[in-house]
Amino acid sequence: VDAVRRFDKLLGDFETALADNPWLAGSEFSLADIAYAPYMVRLAHLQLQILWEKRPHVTTWFAHLKKRTGFKLAITERLNSSYLTLMEEKGKEVQPKIRAHLAELVQR
């Protein structure tokens, strides 16, 4: 529950920051975007995009991040298919719990 709450707050802060800028720290791609990329990738591999599906600015930011050459070289081209399969399976197992926790947060 704490992890879901923290990610929800973090992604809410991202949404606010990205409402006026294409990147987390402003108009230019920066270390802030690089630093959070691995977290977003792990959540995506765990099929937990539900954490930001109602945050259009985060969705757009992540899509732009994944198009960058550095992202492709550092992450996309180095992925292990068995790892991705495992992450997807584990993510699907916890999705109902995550959805329930998110629903609780909305009700508060």
N, C-alpha and C. Protein backbone atom coordinates (compact mmCIF):
# COMPACT_ATOMS: atom_id res chain seq x y z
N VAL A 1 0.83 -1.19 0.00
CA VAL A 1 0.00 0.00 0.00
C VAL A 1 0.87 1.25 0.00
N ASP A 2 1.92 1.26 0.81
CA ASP A 2 2.79 2.44 0.86
C ASP A 2 3.46 2.71 -0.47
N ALA A 3 3.92 1.65 -1.14
CA ALA A 3 4.59 1.83 -2.43
C ALA A 3 3.62 2.39 -3.46
N VAL A 4 2.40 1.90 -3.47
CA VAL A 4 1.40 2.41 -4.42
C VAL A 4 1.12 3.88 -4.13
N ARG A 5 0.99 4.21 -2.88
CA ARG A 5 0.72 5.61 -2.50
C ARG A 5 1.88 6.52 -2.92
N ARG A 6 3.10 6.04 -2.71
CA ARG A 6 4.27 6.86 -3.08
C ARG A 6 4.38 7.03 -4.58
N PHE A 7 4.17 5.95 -5.33
CA PHE A 7 4.22 6.07 -6.78
C PHE A 7 3.09 6.95 -7.29
N ASP A 8 1.92 6.84 -6.69
CA ASP A 8 0.80 7.68 -7.10
C ASP A 8 1.11 9.16 -6.87
N LYS A 9 1.70 9.47 -5.73
CA LYS A 9 2.08 10.86 -5.45
C LYS A 9 3.16 11.33 -6.42
N LEU A 10 4.17 10.49 -6.62
CA LEU A 10 5.25 10.84 -7.53
C LEU A 10 4.72 11.11 -8.94
N LEU A 11 3.87 10.22 -9.42
CA LEU A 11 3.32 10.40 -10.76
C LEU A 11 2.37 11.59 -10.83
N GLY A 12 1.71 11.89 -9.73
CA GLY A 12 0.90 13.11 -9.67
C GLY A 12 1.78 14.35 -9.78
N ASP A 13 2.93 14.33 -9.10
CA ASP A 13 3.88 15.43 -9.20
C ASP A 13 4.44 15.53 -10.62
N PHE A 14 4.70 14.39 -11.24
CA PHE A 14 5.14 14.39 -12.63
C PHE A 14 4.09 15.06 -13.52
N GLU A 15 2.85 14.66 -13.33
CA GLU A 15 1.76 15.19 -14.15
C GLU A 15 1.70 16.71 -14.05
N THR A 16 1.85 17.21 -12.84
CA THR A 16 1.85 18.66 -12.61
C THR A 16 3.02 19.33 -13.32
N ALA A 17 4.22 18.77 -13.15
CA ALA A 17 5.41 19.35 -13.78
C ALA A 17 5.33 19.30 -15.30
N LEU A 18 4.78 18.22 -15.81
CA LEU A 18 4.72 18.04 -17.27
C LEU A 18 3.56 18.79 -17.93
N ALA A 19 2.69 19.38 -17.13
CA ALA A 19 1.58 20.15 -17.69
C ALA A 19 2.08 21.38 -18.43
N ASP A 20 3.21 21.91 -17.98
CA ASP A 20 3.75 23.14 -18.58
C ASP A 20 5.05 22.94 -19.34
N ASN A 21 5.62 21.74 -19.25
CA ASN A 21 6.91 21.47 -19.87
C ASN A 21 6.94 20.06 -20.44
N PRO A 22 7.74 19.84 -21.49
CA PRO A 22 7.81 18.50 -22.06
C PRO A 22 8.66 17.52 -21.24
N TRP A 23 9.53 18.06 -20.39
CA TRP A 23 10.43 17.22 -19.59
C TRP A 23 10.26 17.56 -18.11
N LEU A 24 10.70 16.69 -17.25
CA LEU A 24 10.44 16.84 -15.83
C LEU A 24 11.00 18.13 -15.22
N ALA A 25 12.18 18.55 -15.68
CA ALA A 25 12.80 19.74 -15.09
C ALA A 25 12.66 20.98 -15.97
N GLY A 26 11.84 20.90 -17.00
CA GLY A 26 11.65 22.08 -17.84
C GLY A 26 11.56 21.75 -19.31
N SER A 27 12.07 22.67 -20.11
CA SER A 27 11.93 22.53 -21.55
C SER A 27 12.98 21.62 -22.19
N GLU A 28 14.02 21.28 -21.44
CA GLU A 28 15.10 20.45 -21.97
C GLU A 28 15.16 19.10 -21.25
N PHE A 29 15.48 18.08 -21.99
CA PHE A 29 15.74 16.75 -21.44
C PHE A 29 16.89 16.88 -20.44
N SER A 30 16.78 16.24 -19.27
CA SER A 30 17.80 16.41 -18.24
C SER A 30 18.03 15.14 -17.44
N LEU A 31 18.89 15.25 -16.45
CA LEU A 31 19.16 14.13 -15.55
C LEU A 31 17.91 13.69 -14.80
N ALA A 32 16.97 14.58 -14.59
CA ALA A 32 15.72 14.20 -13.92
C ALA A 32 15.00 13.13 -14.73
N ASP A 33 14.92 13.32 -16.03
CA ASP A 33 14.26 12.34 -16.91
C ASP A 33 15.04 11.03 -16.92
N ILE A 34 16.35 11.12 -16.98
CA ILE A 34 17.20 9.93 -17.00
C ILE A 34 17.05 9.16 -15.68
N ALA A 35 17.02 9.89 -14.58
CA ALA A 35 16.97 9.24 -13.26
C ALA A 35 15.68 8.45 -13.04
N TYR A 36 14.58 8.95 -13.57
CA TYR A 36 13.30 8.27 -13.36
C TYR A 36 12.98 7.23 -14.43
N ALA A 37 13.71 7.22 -15.51
CA ALA A 37 13.45 6.26 -16.59
C ALA A 37 13.44 4.80 -16.11
N PRO A 38 14.41 4.35 -15.32
CA PRO A 38 14.40 2.94 -14.91
C PRO A 38 13.16 2.55 -14.09
N TYR A 39 12.68 3.47 -13.28
CA TYR A 39 11.47 3.19 -12.49
C TYR A 39 10.26 3.01 -13.40
N MET A 40 10.15 3.89 -14.37
CA MET A 40 9.04 3.82 -15.30
C MET A 40 9.11 2.55 -16.13
N VAL A 41 10.31 2.20 -16.55
CA VAL A 41 10.50 0.98 -17.34
C VAL A 41 10.09 -0.24 -16.53
N ARG A 42 10.51 -0.30 -15.28
CA ARG A 42 10.15 -1.45 -14.45
C ARG A 42 8.64 -1.52 -14.27
N LEU A 43 8.00 -0.41 -14.00
CA LEU A 43 6.54 -0.41 -13.86
C LEU A 43 5.87 -0.86 -15.15
N ALA A 44 6.36 -0.39 -16.27
CA ALA A 44 5.79 -0.78 -17.56
C ALA A 44 6.00 -2.28 -17.82
N HIS A 45 7.16 -2.78 -17.49
CA HIS A 45 7.42 -4.21 -17.68
C HIS A 45 6.53 -5.06 -16.78
N LEU A 46 6.17 -4.50 -15.63
CA LEU A 46 5.25 -5.19 -14.72
C LEU A 46 3.79 -4.96 -15.09
N GLN A 47 3.56 -4.35 -16.24
CA GLN A 47 2.20 -4.08 -16.73
C GLN A 47 1.43 -3.17 -15.76
N LEU A 48 2.14 -2.23 -15.15
CA LEU A 48 1.50 -1.34 -14.17
C LEU A 48 1.32 0.08 -14.69
N GLN A 49 1.09 0.18 -16.00
CA GLN A 49 0.77 1.47 -16.59
C GLN A 49 -0.52 2.03 -15.99
N ILE A 50 -1.26 1.20 -15.29
CA ILE A 50 -2.48 1.66 -14.62
C ILE A 50 -2.16 2.78 -13.65
N LEU A 51 -0.91 2.86 -13.20
CA LEU A 51 -0.52 3.92 -12.28
C LEU A 51 -0.54 5.30 -12.94
N TRP A 52 -0.41 5.33 -14.26
CA TRP A 52 -0.42 6.63 -14.94
C TRP A 52 -1.40 6.70 -16.11
N GLU A 53 -2.27 5.73 -16.25
CA GLU A 53 -3.18 5.72 -17.40
C GLU A 53 -4.12 6.93 -17.44
N LYS A 54 -4.37 7.54 -16.31
CA LYS A 54 -5.24 8.72 -16.28
C LYS A 54 -4.43 10.01 -16.14
N ARG A 55 -3.17 9.91 -16.50
CA ARG A 55 -2.28 11.08 -16.44
C ARG A 55 -1.69 11.27 -17.84
N PRO A 56 -2.36 12.05 -18.67
CA PRO A 56 -1.94 12.17 -20.07
C PRO A 56 -0.54 12.76 -20.27
N HIS A 57 -0.14 13.67 -19.39
CA HIS A 57 1.19 14.26 -19.55
C HIS A 57 2.29 13.25 -19.24
N VAL A 58 2.06 12.40 -18.26
CA VAL A 58 3.03 11.35 -17.94
C VAL A 58 3.09 10.35 -19.09
N THR A 59 1.94 9.99 -19.63
CA THR A 59 1.89 9.06 -20.75
C THR A 59 2.67 9.60 -21.94
N THR A 60 2.48 10.86 -22.27
CA THR A 60 3.19 11.48 -23.39
C THR A 60 4.68 11.56 -23.12
N TRP A 61 5.04 11.98 -21.90
CA TRP A 61 6.45 12.07 -21.51
C TRP A 61 7.14 10.72 -21.67
N PHE A 62 6.52 9.65 -21.16
CA PHE A 62 7.13 8.33 -21.24
C PHE A 62 7.26 7.88 -22.69
N ALA A 63 6.28 8.17 -23.50
CA ALA A 63 6.35 7.82 -24.93
C ALA A 63 7.53 8.54 -25.59
N HIS A 64 7.71 9.83 -25.28
CA HIS A 64 8.84 10.59 -25.85
C HIS A 64 10.17 10.06 -25.32
N LEU A 65 10.19 9.71 -24.06
CA LEU A 65 11.41 9.16 -23.46
C LEU A 65 11.83 7.88 -24.17
N LYS A 66 10.88 7.00 -24.44
CA LYS A 66 11.18 5.72 -25.09
C LYS A 66 11.66 5.89 -26.53
N LYS A 67 11.39 7.02 -27.15
CA LYS A 67 11.82 7.27 -28.54
C LYS A 67 13.26 7.77 -28.64
N ARG A 68 13.82 8.17 -27.52
CA ARG A 68 15.17 8.72 -27.54
C ARG A 68 16.20 7.63 -27.86
N THR A 69 17.21 8.01 -28.62
CA THR A 69 18.25 7.07 -29.01
C THR A 69 18.92 6.45 -27.80
N GLY A 70 19.24 7.25 -26.80
CA GLY A 70 19.90 6.74 -25.60
C GLY A 70 19.06 5.71 -24.87
N PHE A 71 17.76 5.92 -24.85
CA PHE A 71 16.86 4.96 -24.21
C PHE A 71 16.91 3.64 -24.96
N LYS A 72 16.84 3.74 -26.28
CA LYS A 72 16.88 2.52 -27.09
C LYS A 72 18.18 1.76 -26.89
N LEU A 73 19.30 2.49 -26.88
CA LEU A 73 20.60 1.84 -26.73
C LEU A 73 20.80 1.26 -25.33
N ALA A 74 20.37 1.98 -24.32
CA ALA A 74 20.62 1.56 -22.95
C ALA A 74 19.60 0.55 -22.43
N ILE A 75 18.39 0.63 -22.93
CA ILE A 75 17.33 -0.21 -22.35
C ILE A 75 16.73 -1.17 -23.38
N THR A 76 16.11 -0.62 -24.40
CA THR A 76 15.35 -1.44 -25.35
C THR A 76 16.20 -2.53 -25.98
N GLU A 77 17.38 -2.19 -26.43
CA GLU A 77 18.22 -3.17 -27.14
C GLU A 77 18.88 -4.18 -26.21
N ARG A 78 18.77 -4.00 -24.93
CA ARG A 78 19.44 -4.89 -23.98
C ARG A 78 18.47 -5.78 -23.19
N LEU A 79 17.23 -5.76 -23.56
CA LEU A 79 16.23 -6.50 -22.80
C LEU A 79 16.30 -8.00 -23.09
N ASN A 80 16.07 -8.76 -22.05
CA ASN A 80 16.06 -10.21 -22.12
C ASN A 80 14.60 -10.65 -22.20
N SER A 81 14.24 -11.41 -23.22
CA SER A 81 12.84 -11.79 -23.40
C SER A 81 12.31 -12.63 -22.25
N SER A 82 13.14 -13.46 -21.63
CA SER A 82 12.65 -14.25 -20.49
C SER A 82 12.37 -13.34 -19.29
N TYR A 83 13.17 -12.31 -19.14
CA TYR A 83 12.93 -11.31 -18.09
C TYR A 83 11.58 -10.62 -18.33
N LEU A 84 11.35 -10.22 -19.56
CA LEU A 84 10.10 -9.52 -19.87
C LEU A 84 8.88 -10.41 -19.62
N THR A 85 9.00 -11.67 -19.97
CA THR A 85 7.90 -12.61 -19.73
C THR A 85 7.64 -12.75 -18.24
N LEU A 86 8.68 -12.89 -17.45
CA LEU A 86 8.53 -13.01 -16.00
C LEU A 86 7.91 -11.75 -15.40
N MET A 87 8.40 -10.60 -15.80
CA MET A 87 7.86 -9.34 -15.28
C MET A 87 6.37 -9.19 -15.63
N GLU A 88 6.02 -9.54 -16.86
CA GLU A 88 4.63 -9.45 -17.28
C GLU A 88 3.74 -10.37 -16.45
N GLU A 89 4.19 -11.58 -16.23
CA GLU A 89 3.42 -12.54 -15.43
C GLU A 89 3.22 -12.03 -14.01
N LYS A 90 4.29 -11.57 -13.39
CA LYS A 90 4.22 -11.09 -12.00
C LYS A 90 3.37 -9.83 -11.91
N GLY A 91 3.48 -8.97 -12.90
CA GLY A 91 2.67 -7.76 -12.90
C GLY A 91 1.18 -8.05 -13.00
N LYS A 92 0.85 -8.99 -13.86
CA LYS A 92 -0.57 -9.35 -14.01
C LYS A 92 -1.13 -9.96 -12.73
N GLU A 93 -0.27 -10.65 -11.96
CA GLU A 93 -0.71 -11.22 -10.69
C GLU A 93 -1.10 -10.14 -9.68
N VAL A 94 -0.36 -9.04 -9.68
CA VAL A 94 -0.61 -8.01 -8.66
C VAL A 94 -1.52 -6.88 -9.14
N GLN A 95 -1.85 -6.85 -10.42
CA GLN A 95 -2.69 -5.77 -10.94
C GLN A 95 -3.99 -5.56 -10.17
N PRO A 96 -4.73 -6.62 -9.84
CA PRO A 96 -5.97 -6.40 -9.09
C PRO A 96 -5.74 -5.71 -7.74
N LYS A 97 -4.66 -6.07 -7.07
CA LYS A 97 -4.35 -5.42 -5.79
C LYS A 97 -3.98 -3.95 -5.99
N ILE A 98 -3.22 -3.69 -7.03
CA ILE A 98 -2.82 -2.31 -7.31
C ILE A 98 -4.05 -1.47 -7.64
N ARG A 99 -4.94 -2.00 -8.46
CA ARG A 99 -6.18 -1.29 -8.80
C ARG A 99 -7.00 -1.00 -7.54
N ALA A 100 -7.06 -1.96 -6.64
CA ALA A 100 -7.81 -1.78 -5.39
C ALA A 100 -7.17 -0.67 -4.55
N HIS A 101 -5.85 -0.67 -4.46
CA HIS A 101 -5.17 0.37 -3.69
C HIS A 101 -5.38 1.74 -4.31
N LEU A 102 -5.33 1.81 -5.64
CA LEU A 102 -5.57 3.08 -6.32
C LEU A 102 -6.99 3.57 -6.06
N ALA A 103 -7.96 2.67 -6.08
CA ALA A 103 -9.35 3.04 -5.81
C ALA A 103 -9.48 3.59 -4.40
N GLU A 104 -8.78 3.00 -3.45
CA GLU A 104 -8.81 3.49 -2.07
C GLU A 104 -8.24 4.91 -1.99
N LEU A 105 -7.17 5.16 -2.73
CA LEU A 105 -6.56 6.49 -2.71
C LEU A 105 -7.52 7.54 -3.26
N VAL A 106 -8.26 7.18 -4.28
CA VAL A 106 -9.20 8.12 -4.89
C VAL A 106 -10.33 8.45 -3.91
N GLN A 107 -10.74 7.48 -3.12
CA GLN A 107 -11.86 7.68 -2.19
C GLN A 107 -11.45 8.57 -1.02
N ARG A 108 -10.17 8.67 -0.73
CA ARG A 108 -9.71 9.48 0.42
C ARG A 108 -9.80 10.93 0.18
